[in-house]
Amino acid sequence: MIKLKIKSGDVVRVIAGDHKGAEGKVLRVYKEKNKAVVEGVNMVSKHTKPSAKSPQGGIVKKEAPIHISNISLIDPKSKETTRVGVKTEGDKKVRFSKKSNQVL
């Protein structure tokens, strides 16, 4: 298992695959699978049975996980994709943008 440099709440852009170019906020990260769920990206149709929560049932659109290697963090300063580095400031580890050298 690799160390993931993307966290939930980050704004990312899809850099490969069917949804290339799409942007969204990371809703959830699955560390053990190296996947992340991005808002509005990789939408799939899920067939649901009628239940107390949804008495009608039917087809529901929801986001499916996308592999971490296919997404890249967007630099808040330049609004471009960037790689993420980790450095220590004092006694804390912080993530920083490799493009603008800005702490994320």
PDB file of N, CA and C in Angstrom:
ATOM      1  N   MET A   1       0.846  -1.185   0.000  1.00  0.00           N
ATOM      2  CA  MET A   1       0.000   0.000   0.000  1.00  0.00           C
ATOM      3  C   MET A   1       0.889   1.245   0.000  1.00  0.00           C
ATOM      4  N   ILE A   2       0.604   2.177  -0.923  1.00  0.00           N
ATOM      5  CA  ILE A   2       1.409   3.391  -1.028  1.00  0.00           C
ATOM      6  C   ILE A   2       0.830   4.511  -0.183  1.00  0.00           C
ATOM      7  N   LYS A   3       1.669   5.492   0.119  1.00  0.00           N
ATOM      8  CA  LYS A   3       1.230   6.663   0.872  1.00  0.00           C
ATOM      9  C   LYS A   3       0.462   7.571  -0.073  1.00  0.00           C
ATOM     10  N   LEU A   4      -0.791   7.870   0.264  1.00  0.00           N
ATOM     11  CA  LEU A   4      -1.623   8.707  -0.587  1.00  0.00           C
ATOM     12  C   LEU A   4      -1.422  10.173  -0.241  1.00  0.00           C
ATOM     13  N   LYS A   5      -1.329  11.012  -1.269  1.00  0.00           N
ATOM     14  CA  LYS A   5      -1.109  12.430  -1.055  1.00  0.00           C
ATOM     15  C   LYS A   5      -2.368  13.243  -1.318  1.00  0.00           C
ATOM     16  N   ILE A   6      -3.486  12.551  -1.492  1.00  0.00           N
ATOM     17  CA  ILE A   6      -4.769  13.224  -1.703  1.00  0.00           C
ATOM     18  C   ILE A   6      -5.673  12.903  -0.530  1.00  0.00           C
ATOM     19  N   LYS A   7      -6.344  13.930  -0.014  1.00  0.00           N
ATOM     20  CA  LYS A   7      -7.238  13.766   1.134  1.00  0.00           C
ATOM     21  C   LYS A   7      -8.642  14.193   0.743  1.00  0.00           C
ATOM     22  N   SER A   8      -9.614  13.792   1.550  1.00  0.00           N
ATOM     23  CA  SER A   8     -10.982  14.222   1.270  1.00  0.00           C
ATOM     24  C   SER A   8     -11.081  15.726   1.496  1.00  0.00           C
ATOM     25  N   GLY A   9     -11.820  16.383   0.618  1.00  0.00           N
ATOM     26  CA  GLY A   9     -11.938  17.844   0.673  1.00  0.00           C
ATOM     27  C   GLY A   9     -11.058  18.549  -0.345  1.00  0.00           C
ATOM     28  N   ASP A  10     -10.064  17.845  -0.913  1.00  0.00           N
ATOM     29  CA  ASP A  10      -9.190  18.426  -1.936  1.00  0.00           C
ATOM     30  C   ASP A  10      -9.955  18.607  -3.247  1.00  0.00           C
ATOM     31  N   VAL A  11      -9.604  19.634  -3.998  1.00  0.00           N
ATOM     32  CA  VAL A  11     -10.166  19.825  -5.337  1.00  0.00           C
ATOM     33  C   VAL A  11      -9.181  19.217  -6.328  1.00  0.00           C
ATOM     34  N   VAL A  12      -9.688  18.276  -7.145  1.00  0.00           N
ATOM     35  CA  VAL A  12      -8.829  17.535  -8.068  1.00  0.00           C
ATOM     36  C   VAL A  12      -9.366  17.593  -9.493  1.00  0.00           C
ATOM     37  N   ARG A  13      -8.480  17.247 -10.455  1.00  0.00           N
ATOM     38  CA  ARG A  13      -8.858  17.140 -11.864  1.00  0.00           C
ATOM     39  C   ARG A  13      -8.513  15.736 -12.332  1.00  0.00           C
ATOM     40  N   VAL A  14      -9.399  15.141 -13.127  1.00  0.00           N
ATOM     41  CA  VAL A  14      -9.150  13.812 -13.688  1.00  0.00           C
ATOM     42  C   VAL A  14      -8.192  13.989 -14.859  1.00  0.00           C
ATOM     43  N   ILE A  15      -7.067  13.242 -14.841  1.00  0.00           N
ATOM     44  CA  ILE A  15      -6.034  13.406 -15.867  1.00  0.00           C
ATOM     45  C   ILE A  15      -5.996  12.251 -16.861  1.00  0.00           C
ATOM     46  N   ALA A  16      -6.787  11.194 -16.614  1.00  0.00           N
ATOM     47  CA  ALA A  16      -6.807  10.052 -17.531  1.00  0.00           C
ATOM     48  C   ALA A  16      -8.142   9.338 -17.429  1.00  0.00           C
ATOM     49  N   GLY A  17      -8.528   8.683 -18.519  1.00  0.00           N
ATOM     50  CA  GLY A  17      -9.744   7.883 -18.511  1.00  0.00           C
ATOM     51  C   GLY A  17     -10.911   8.578 -19.188  1.00  0.00           C
ATOM     52  N   ASP A  18     -12.097   7.999 -19.041  1.00  0.00           N
ATOM     53  CA  ASP A  18     -13.307   8.497 -19.700  1.00  0.00           C
ATOM     54  C   ASP A  18     -13.702   9.900 -19.253  1.00  0.00           C
ATOM     55  N   HIS A  19     -13.377  10.256 -18.029  1.00  0.00           N
ATOM     56  CA  HIS A  19     -13.805  11.544 -17.474  1.00  0.00           C
ATOM     57  C   HIS A  19     -12.671  12.561 -17.435  1.00  0.00           C
ATOM     58  N   LYS A  20     -11.700  12.408 -18.344  1.00  0.00           N
ATOM     59  CA  LYS A  20     -10.533  13.285 -18.385  1.00  0.00           C
ATOM     60  C   LYS A  20     -10.956  14.751 -18.503  1.00  0.00           C
ATOM     61  N   GLY A  21     -10.357  15.595 -17.652  1.00  0.00           N
ATOM     62  CA  GLY A  21     -10.651  17.026 -17.670  1.00  0.00           C
ATOM     63  C   GLY A  21     -11.695  17.450 -16.655  1.00  0.00           C
ATOM     64  N   ALA A  22     -12.453  16.499 -16.120  1.00  0.00           N
ATOM     65  CA  ALA A  22     -13.485  16.827 -15.141  1.00  0.00           C
ATOM     66  C   ALA A  22     -12.843  17.200 -13.809  1.00  0.00           C
ATOM     67  N   GLU A  23     -13.456  18.170 -13.119  1.00  0.00           N
ATOM     68  CA  GLU A  23     -12.952  18.609 -11.823  1.00  0.00           C
ATOM     69  C   GLU A  23     -14.012  18.388 -10.758  1.00  0.00           C
ATOM     70  N   GLY A  24     -13.565  18.210  -9.535  1.00  0.00           N
ATOM     71  CA  GLY A  24     -14.499  18.034  -8.429  1.00  0.00           C
ATOM     72  C   GLY A  24     -13.776  17.910  -7.107  1.00  0.00           C
ATOM     73  N   LYS A  25     -14.570  17.878  -6.054  1.00  0.00           N
ATOM     74  CA  LYS A  25     -14.047  17.771  -4.696  1.00  0.00           C
ATOM     75  C   LYS A  25     -14.011  16.305  -4.300  1.00  0.00           C
ATOM     76  N   VAL A  26     -12.963  15.891  -3.615  1.00  0.00           N
ATOM     77  CA  VAL A  26     -12.842  14.506  -3.154  1.00  0.00           C
ATOM     78  C   VAL A  26     -13.787  14.322  -1.968  1.00  0.00           C
ATOM     79  N   LEU A  27     -14.721  13.370  -2.100  1.00  0.00           N
ATOM     80  CA  LEU A  27     -15.682  13.105  -1.038  1.00  0.00           C
ATOM     81  C   LEU A  27     -15.178  12.045  -0.065  1.00  0.00           C
ATOM     82  N   ARG A  28     -14.471  11.047  -0.595  1.00  0.00           N
ATOM     83  CA  ARG A  28     -14.012   9.938   0.240  1.00  0.00           C
ATOM     84  C   ARG A  28     -12.779   9.311  -0.380  1.00  0.00           C
ATOM     85  N   VAL A  29     -11.856   8.843   0.446  1.00  0.00           N
ATOM     86  CA  VAL A  29     -10.653   8.164  -0.036  1.00  0.00           C
ATOM     87  C   VAL A  29     -10.627   6.759   0.546  1.00  0.00           C
ATOM     88  N   TYR A  30     -10.433   5.761  -0.334  1.00  0.00           N
ATOM     89  CA  TYR A  30     -10.297   4.369   0.093  1.00  0.00           C
ATOM     90  C   TYR A  30      -8.816   4.014   0.026  1.00  0.00           C
ATOM     91  N   LYS A  31      -8.136   4.091   1.159  1.00  0.00           N
ATOM     92  CA  LYS A  31      -6.690   3.866   1.224  1.00  0.00           C
ATOM     93  C   LYS A  31      -6.290   2.462   0.786  1.00  0.00           C
ATOM     94  N   GLU A  32      -7.052   1.458   1.240  1.00  0.00           N
ATOM     95  CA  GLU A  32      -6.683   0.069   0.965  1.00  0.00           C
ATOM     96  C   GLU A  32      -6.831  -0.295  -0.514  1.00  0.00           C
ATOM     97  N   LYS A  33      -7.690   0.430  -1.247  1.00  0.00           N
ATOM     98  CA  LYS A  33      -7.901   0.158  -2.670  1.00  0.00           C
ATOM     99  C   LYS A  33      -7.206   1.176  -3.570  1.00  0.00           C
ATOM    100  N   ASN A  34      -6.571   2.205  -3.003  1.00  0.00           N
ATOM    101  CA  ASN A  34      -5.945   3.305  -3.755  1.00  0.00           C
ATOM    102  C   ASN A  34      -6.960   3.991  -4.669  1.00  0.00           C
ATOM    103  N   LYS A  35      -8.165   4.228  -4.155  1.00  0.00           N
ATOM    104  CA  LYS A  35      -9.220   4.860  -4.940  1.00  0.00           C
ATOM    105  C   LYS A  35      -9.833   6.021  -4.164  1.00  0.00           C
ATOM    106  N   ALA A  36     -10.482   6.928  -4.919  1.00  0.00           N
ATOM    107  CA  ALA A  36     -11.153   8.072  -4.307  1.00  0.00           C
ATOM    108  C   ALA A  36     -12.469   8.319  -5.024  1.00  0.00           C
ATOM    109  N   VAL A  37     -13.467   8.825  -4.281  1.00  0.00           N
ATOM    110  CA  VAL A  37     -14.744   9.201  -4.857  1.00  0.00           C
ATOM    111  C   VAL A  37     -14.714  10.711  -5.050  1.00  0.00           C
ATOM    112  N   VAL A  38     -14.900  11.158  -6.314  1.00  0.00           N
ATOM    113  CA  VAL A  38     -14.854  12.577  -6.648  1.00  0.00           C
ATOM    114  C   VAL A  38     -16.261  13.034  -7.025  1.00  0.00           C
ATOM    115  N   GLU A  39     -16.663  14.177  -6.467  1.00  0.00           N
ATOM    116  CA  GLU A  39     -18.005  14.726  -6.672  1.00  0.00           C
ATOM    117  C   GLU A  39     -18.292  14.978  -8.158  1.00  0.00           C
ATOM    118  N   GLY A  40     -19.347  14.359  -8.681  1.00  0.00           N
ATOM    119  CA  GLY A  40     -19.773  14.573 -10.060  1.00  0.00           C
ATOM    120  C   GLY A  40     -18.956  13.855 -11.121  1.00  0.00           C
ATOM    121  N   VAL A  41     -18.020  12.994 -10.720  1.00  0.00           N
ATOM    122  CA  VAL A  41     -17.158  12.289 -11.663  1.00  0.00           C
ATOM    123  C   VAL A  41     -17.417  10.785 -11.557  1.00  0.00           C
ATOM    124  N   ASN A  42     -17.363  10.091 -12.697  1.00  0.00           N
ATOM    125  CA  ASN A  42     -17.549   8.639 -12.758  1.00  0.00           C
ATOM    126  C   ASN A  42     -18.921   8.228 -12.222  1.00  0.00           C
ATOM    127  N   MET A  43     -19.966   8.889 -12.730  1.00  0.00           N
ATOM    128  CA  MET A  43     -21.334   8.597 -12.297  1.00  0.00           C
ATOM    129  C   MET A  43     -21.785   7.251 -12.872  1.00  0.00           C
ATOM    130  N   VAL A  44     -22.399   6.429 -12.024  1.00  0.00           N
ATOM    131  CA  VAL A  44     -22.921   5.139 -12.447  1.00  0.00           C
ATOM    132  C   VAL A  44     -24.397   5.049 -12.050  1.00  0.00           C
ATOM    133  N   SER A  45     -25.146   4.206 -12.767  1.00  0.00           N
ATOM    134  CA  SER A  45     -26.563   3.994 -12.457  1.00  0.00           C
ATOM    135  C   SER A  45     -26.671   2.777 -11.555  1.00  0.00           C
ATOM    136  N   LYS A  46     -27.280   2.964 -10.391  1.00  0.00           N
ATOM    137  CA  LYS A  46     -27.447   1.861  -9.445  1.00  0.00           C
ATOM    138  C   LYS A  46     -28.940   1.554  -9.328  1.00  0.00           C
ATOM    139  N   HIS A  47     -29.282   0.297  -9.548  1.00  0.00           N
ATOM    140  CA  HIS A  47     -30.684  -0.120  -9.444  1.00  0.00           C
ATOM    141  C   HIS A  47     -30.991  -0.409  -7.979  1.00  0.00           C
ATOM    142  N   THR A  48     -32.030   0.236  -7.446  1.00  0.00           N
ATOM    143  CA  THR A  48     -32.366   0.055  -6.025  1.00  0.00           C
ATOM    144  C   THR A  48     -33.755  -0.556  -5.888  1.00  0.00           C
ATOM    145  N   LYS A  49     -33.887  -1.448  -4.917  1.00  0.00           N
ATOM    146  CA  LYS A  49     -35.172  -2.064  -4.605  1.00  0.00           C
ATOM    147  C   LYS A  49     -35.995  -1.083  -3.776  1.00  0.00           C
ATOM    148  N   PRO A  50     -37.302  -1.155  -3.832  1.00  0.00           N
ATOM    149  CA  PRO A  50     -38.109  -0.305  -2.958  1.00  0.00           C
ATOM    150  C   PRO A  50     -37.833  -0.623  -1.489  1.00  0.00           C
ATOM    151  N   SER A  51     -37.698   0.416  -0.689  1.00  0.00           N
ATOM    152  CA  SER A  51     -37.457   0.236   0.744  1.00  0.00           C
ATOM    153  C   SER A  51     -38.196   1.347   1.494  1.00  0.00           C
ATOM    154  N   ALA A  52     -38.065   1.367   2.803  1.00  0.00           N
ATOM    155  CA  ALA A  52     -38.712   2.405   3.614  1.00  0.00           C
ATOM    156  C   ALA A  52     -38.127   3.778   3.284  1.00  0.00           C
ATOM    157  N   LYS A  53     -36.836   3.796   2.988  1.00  0.00           N
ATOM    158  CA  LYS A  53     -36.167   5.062   2.675  1.00  0.00           C
ATOM    159  C   LYS A  53     -36.598   5.581   1.300  1.00  0.00           C
ATOM    160  N   SER A  54     -36.624   4.693   0.301  1.00  0.00           N
ATOM    161  CA  SER A  54     -37.098   5.084  -1.031  1.00  0.00           C
ATOM    162  C   SER A  54     -38.198   4.111  -1.450  1.00  0.00           C
ATOM    163  N   PRO A  55     -39.457   4.442  -1.157  1.00  0.00           N
ATOM    164  CA  PRO A  55     -40.549   3.502  -1.422  1.00  0.00           C
ATOM    165  C   PRO A  55     -40.756   3.205  -2.912  1.00  0.00           C
ATOM    166  N   GLN A  56     -40.327   4.123  -3.788  1.00  0.00           N
ATOM    167  CA  GLN A  56     -40.483   3.941  -5.227  1.00  0.00           C
ATOM    168  C   GLN A  56     -39.440   2.981  -5.798  1.00  0.00           C
ATOM    169  N   GLY A  57     -38.199   3.032  -5.254  1.00  0.00           N
ATOM    170  CA  GLY A  57     -37.117   2.231  -5.830  1.00  0.00           C
ATOM    171  C   GLY A  57     -36.656   2.879  -7.121  1.00  0.00           C
ATOM    172  N   GLY A  58     -36.128   2.103  -8.057  1.00  0.00           N
ATOM    173  CA  GLY A  58     -35.750   2.634  -9.357  1.00  0.00           C
ATOM    174  C   GLY A  58     -34.255   2.745  -9.549  1.00  0.00           C
ATOM    175  N   ILE A  59     -33.850   3.657 -10.460  1.00  0.00           N
ATOM    176  CA  ILE A  59     -32.444   3.813 -10.813  1.00  0.00           C
ATOM    177  C   ILE A  59     -31.910   5.103 -10.195  1.00  0.00           C
ATOM    178  N   VAL A  60     -30.806   4.984  -9.462  1.00  0.00           N
ATOM    179  CA  VAL A  60     -30.194   6.125  -8.776  1.00  0.00           C
ATOM    180  C   VAL A  60     -28.814   6.359  -9.371  1.00  0.00           C
ATOM    181  N   LYS A  61     -28.502   7.619  -9.681  1.00  0.00           N
ATOM    182  CA  LYS A  61     -27.162   7.980 -10.166  1.00  0.00           C
ATOM    183  C   LYS A  61     -26.289   8.285  -8.967  1.00  0.00           C
ATOM    184  N   LYS A  62     -25.088   7.683  -8.930  1.00  0.00           N
ATOM    185  CA  LYS A  62     -24.154   7.964  -7.843  1.00  0.00           C
ATOM    186  C   LYS A  62     -22.720   7.876  -8.340  1.00  0.00           C
ATOM    187  N   GLU A  63     -21.790   8.461  -7.566  1.00  0.00           N
ATOM    188  CA  GLU A  63     -20.379   8.458  -7.945  1.00  0.00           C
ATOM    189  C   GLU A  63     -19.738   7.125  -7.586  1.00  0.00           C
ATOM    190  N   ALA A  64     -18.911   6.633  -8.492  1.00  0.00           N
ATOM    191  CA  ALA A  64     -18.142   5.421  -8.243  1.00  0.00           C
ATOM    192  C   ALA A  64     -16.693   5.824  -7.993  1.00  0.00           C
ATOM    193  N   PRO A  65     -15.933   5.017  -7.252  1.00  0.00           N
ATOM    194  CA  PRO A  65     -14.529   5.345  -6.988  1.00  0.00           C
ATOM    195  C   PRO A  65     -13.692   5.364  -8.264  1.00  0.00           C
ATOM    196  N   ILE A  66     -12.691   6.233  -8.288  1.00  0.00           N
ATOM    197  CA  ILE A  66     -11.763   6.353  -9.417  1.00  0.00           C
ATOM    198  C   ILE A  66     -10.354   6.160  -8.851  1.00  0.00           C
ATOM    199  N   HIS A  67      -9.469   5.547  -9.636  1.00  0.00           N
ATOM    200  CA  HIS A  67      -8.128   5.247  -9.135  1.00  0.00           C
ATOM    201  C   HIS A  67      -7.341   6.531  -8.891  1.00  0.00           C
ATOM    202  N   ILE A  68      -6.550   6.539  -7.820  1.00  0.00           N
ATOM    203  CA  ILE A  68      -5.759   7.706  -7.402  1.00  0.00           C
ATOM    204  C   ILE A  68      -4.801   8.164  -8.503  1.00  0.00           C
ATOM    205  N   SER A  69      -4.279   7.215  -9.296  1.00  0.00           N
ATOM    206  CA  SER A  69      -3.309   7.570 -10.335  1.00  0.00           C
ATOM    207  C   SER A  69      -3.952   8.383 -11.460  1.00  0.00           C
ATOM    208  N   ASN A  70      -5.272   8.367 -11.557  1.00  0.00           N
ATOM    209  CA  ASN A  70      -5.972   9.085 -12.617  1.00  0.00           C
ATOM    210  C   ASN A  70      -6.435  10.478 -12.204  1.00  0.00           C
ATOM    211  N   ILE A  71      -6.115  10.901 -10.986  1.00  0.00           N
ATOM    212  CA  ILE A  71      -6.503  12.243 -10.551  1.00  0.00           C
ATOM    213  C   ILE A  71      -5.280  13.007 -10.076  1.00  0.00           C
ATOM    214  N   SER A  72      -5.342  14.338 -10.219  1.00  0.00           N
ATOM    215  CA  SER A  72      -4.238  15.191  -9.806  1.00  0.00           C
ATOM    216  C   SER A  72      -4.784  16.395  -9.058  1.00  0.00           C
ATOM    217  N   LEU A  73      -4.107  16.787  -8.019  1.00  0.00           N
ATOM    218  CA  LEU A  73      -4.532  17.915  -7.195  1.00  0.00           C
ATOM    219  C   LEU A  73      -4.425  19.220  -7.969  1.00  0.00           C
ATOM    220  N   ILE A  74      -5.387  20.126  -7.761  1.00  0.00           N
ATOM    221  CA  ILE A  74      -5.348  21.435  -8.403  1.00  0.00           C
ATOM    222  C   ILE A  74      -4.736  22.427  -7.420  1.00  0.00           C
ATOM    223  N   ASP A  75      -3.697  23.153  -7.897  1.00  0.00           N
ATOM    224  CA  ASP A  75      -3.012  24.155  -7.094  1.00  0.00           C
ATOM    225  C   ASP A  75      -3.967  25.327  -6.866  1.00  0.00           C
ATOM    226  N   PRO A  76      -4.221  25.712  -5.601  1.00  0.00           N
ATOM    227  CA  PRO A  76      -5.170  26.805  -5.339  1.00  0.00           C
ATOM    228  C   PRO A  76      -4.694  28.162  -5.884  1.00  0.00           C
ATOM    229  N   LYS A  77      -3.389  28.318  -6.063  1.00  0.00           N
ATOM    230  CA  LYS A  77      -2.839  29.598  -6.533  1.00  0.00           C
ATOM    231  C   LYS A  77      -2.953  29.740  -8.051  1.00  0.00           C
ATOM    232  N   SER A  78      -2.439  28.754  -8.803  1.00  0.00           N
ATOM    233  CA  SER A  78      -2.394  28.862 -10.267  1.00  0.00           C
ATOM    234  C   SER A  78      -3.560  28.173 -10.967  1.00  0.00           C
ATOM    235  N   LYS A  79      -4.401  27.421 -10.219  1.00  0.00           N
ATOM    236  CA  LYS A  79      -5.538  26.685 -10.772  1.00  0.00           C
ATOM    237  C   LYS A  79      -5.123  25.642 -11.805  1.00  0.00           C
ATOM    238  N   GLU A  80      -3.876  25.157 -11.724  1.00  0.00           N
ATOM    239  CA  GLU A  80      -3.381  24.093 -12.589  1.00  0.00           C
ATOM    240  C   GLU A  80      -3.115  22.853 -11.758  1.00  0.00           C
ATOM    241  N   THR A  81      -2.970  21.704 -12.428  1.00  0.00           N
ATOM    242  CA  THR A  81      -2.662  20.482 -11.692  1.00  0.00           C
ATOM    243  C   THR A  81      -1.218  20.538 -11.198  1.00  0.00           C
ATOM    244  N   THR A  82      -0.990  19.942 -10.061  1.00  0.00           N
ATOM    245  CA  THR A  82       0.345  19.962  -9.458  1.00  0.00           C
ATOM    246  C   THR A  82       0.617  18.648  -8.747  1.00  0.00           C
ATOM    247  N   ARG A  83       1.882  18.373  -8.564  1.00  0.00           N
ATOM    248  CA  ARG A  83       2.273  17.235  -7.742  1.00  0.00           C
ATOM    249  C   ARG A  83       2.347  17.713  -6.294  1.00  0.00           C
ATOM    250  N   VAL A  84       2.279  16.771  -5.375  1.00  0.00           N
ATOM    251  CA  VAL A  84       2.259  17.112  -3.954  1.00  0.00           C
ATOM    252  C   VAL A  84       3.528  16.615  -3.289  1.00  0.00           C
ATOM    253  N   GLY A  85       4.137  17.476  -2.495  1.00  0.00           N
ATOM    254  CA  GLY A  85       5.304  17.094  -1.726  1.00  0.00           C
ATOM    255  C   GLY A  85       4.997  17.208  -0.242  1.00  0.00           C
ATOM    256  N   VAL A  86       5.832  16.587   0.581  1.00  0.00           N
ATOM    257  CA  VAL A  86       5.660  16.660   2.035  1.00  0.00           C
ATOM    258  C   VAL A  86       6.958  17.155   2.629  1.00  0.00           C
ATOM    259  N   LYS A  87       6.864  18.168   3.501  1.00  0.00           N
ATOM    260  CA  LYS A  87       8.047  18.672   4.195  1.00  0.00           C
ATOM    261  C   LYS A  87       7.681  18.950   5.644  1.00  0.00           C
ATOM    262  N   THR A  88       8.694  19.088   6.476  1.00  0.00           N
ATOM    263  CA  THR A  88       8.446  19.376   7.881  1.00  0.00           C
ATOM    264  C   THR A  88       8.682  20.856   8.159  1.00  0.00           C
ATOM    265  N   GLU A  89       7.701  21.472   8.790  1.00  0.00           N
ATOM    266  CA  GLU A  89       7.832  22.856   9.240  1.00  0.00           C
ATOM    267  C   GLU A  89       7.762  22.819  10.752  1.00  0.00           C
ATOM    268  N   GLY A  90       8.902  23.049  11.386  1.00  0.00           N
ATOM    269  CA  GLY A  90       8.975  22.909  12.837  1.00  0.00           C
ATOM    270  C   GLY A  90       8.887  21.435  13.190  1.00  0.00           C
ATOM    271  N   ASP A  91       7.823  21.076  13.899  1.00  0.00           N
ATOM    272  CA  ASP A  91       7.644  19.668  14.265  1.00  0.00           C
ATOM    273  C   ASP A  91       6.438  19.045  13.556  1.00  0.00           C
ATOM    274  N   LYS A  92       5.862  19.776  12.581  1.00  0.00           N
ATOM    275  CA  LYS A  92       4.690  19.274  11.857  1.00  0.00           C
ATOM    276  C   LYS A  92       5.029  18.942  10.410  1.00  0.00           C
ATOM    277  N   LYS A  93       4.380  17.887   9.885  1.00  0.00           N
ATOM    278  CA  LYS A  93       4.494  17.540   8.473  1.00  0.00           C
ATOM    279  C   LYS A  93       3.409  18.298   7.720  1.00  0.00           C
ATOM    280  N   VAL A  94       3.787  18.972   6.638  1.00  0.00           N
ATOM    281  CA  VAL A  94       2.800  19.693   5.828  1.00  0.00           C
ATOM    282  C   VAL A  94       2.922  19.291   4.363  1.00  0.00           C
ATOM    283  N   ARG A  95       1.784  19.316   3.659  1.00  0.00           N
ATOM    284  CA  ARG A  95       1.788  19.057   2.221  1.00  0.00           C
ATOM    285  C   ARG A  95       1.986  20.394   1.505  1.00  0.00           C
ATOM    286  N   PHE A  96       2.721  20.351   0.391  1.00  0.00           N
ATOM    287  CA  PHE A  96       2.921  21.575  -0.365  1.00  0.00           C
ATOM    288  C   PHE A  96       2.848  21.295  -1.852  1.00  0.00           C
ATOM    289  N   SER A  97       2.504  22.327  -2.619  1.00  0.00           N
ATOM    290  CA  SER A  97       2.401  22.225  -4.067  1.00  0.00           C
ATOM    291  C   SER A  97       3.795  22.320  -4.662  1.00  0.00           C
ATOM    292  N   LYS A  98       4.134  21.393  -5.551  1.00  0.00           N
ATOM    293  CA  LYS A  98       5.462  21.409  -6.164  1.00  0.00           C
ATOM    294  C   LYS A  98       5.589  22.530  -7.187  1.00  0.00           C
ATOM    295  N   LYS A  99       4.458  23.028  -7.743  1.00  0.00           N
ATOM    296  CA  LYS A  99       4.487  24.095  -8.724  1.00  0.00           C
ATOM    297  C   LYS A  99       4.720  25.463  -8.094  1.00  0.00           C
ATOM    298  N   SER A 100       3.911  25.765  -7.054  1.00  0.00           N
ATOM    299  CA  SER A 100       3.990  27.112  -6.463  1.00  0.00           C
ATOM    300  C   SER A 100       4.719  27.112  -5.122  1.00  0.00           C
ATOM    301  N   ASN A 101       5.091  25.939  -4.628  1.00  0.00           N
ATOM    302  CA  ASN A 101       5.784  25.786  -3.336  1.00  0.00           C
ATOM    303  C   ASN A 101       4.931  26.316  -2.176  1.00  0.00           C
ATOM    304  N   GLN A 102       3.611  26.342  -2.372  1.00  0.00           N
ATOM    305  CA  GLN A 102       2.692  26.853  -1.372  1.00  0.00           C
ATOM    306  C   GLN A 102       2.158  25.703  -0.508  1.00  0.00           C
ATOM    307  N   VAL A 103       2.039  25.942   0.802  1.00  0.00           N
ATOM    308  CA  VAL A 103       1.521  24.929   1.718  1.00  0.00           C
ATOM    309  C   VAL A 103       0.030  24.731   1.451  1.00  0.00           C
ATOM    310  N   LEU A 104      -0.381  23.465   1.375  1.00  0.00           N
ATOM    311  CA  LEU A 104      -1.793  23.163   1.088  1.00  0.00           C
ATOM    312  C   LEU A 104      -2.579  22.976   2.372  1.00  0.00           C
TER     313      LEU A 104
END
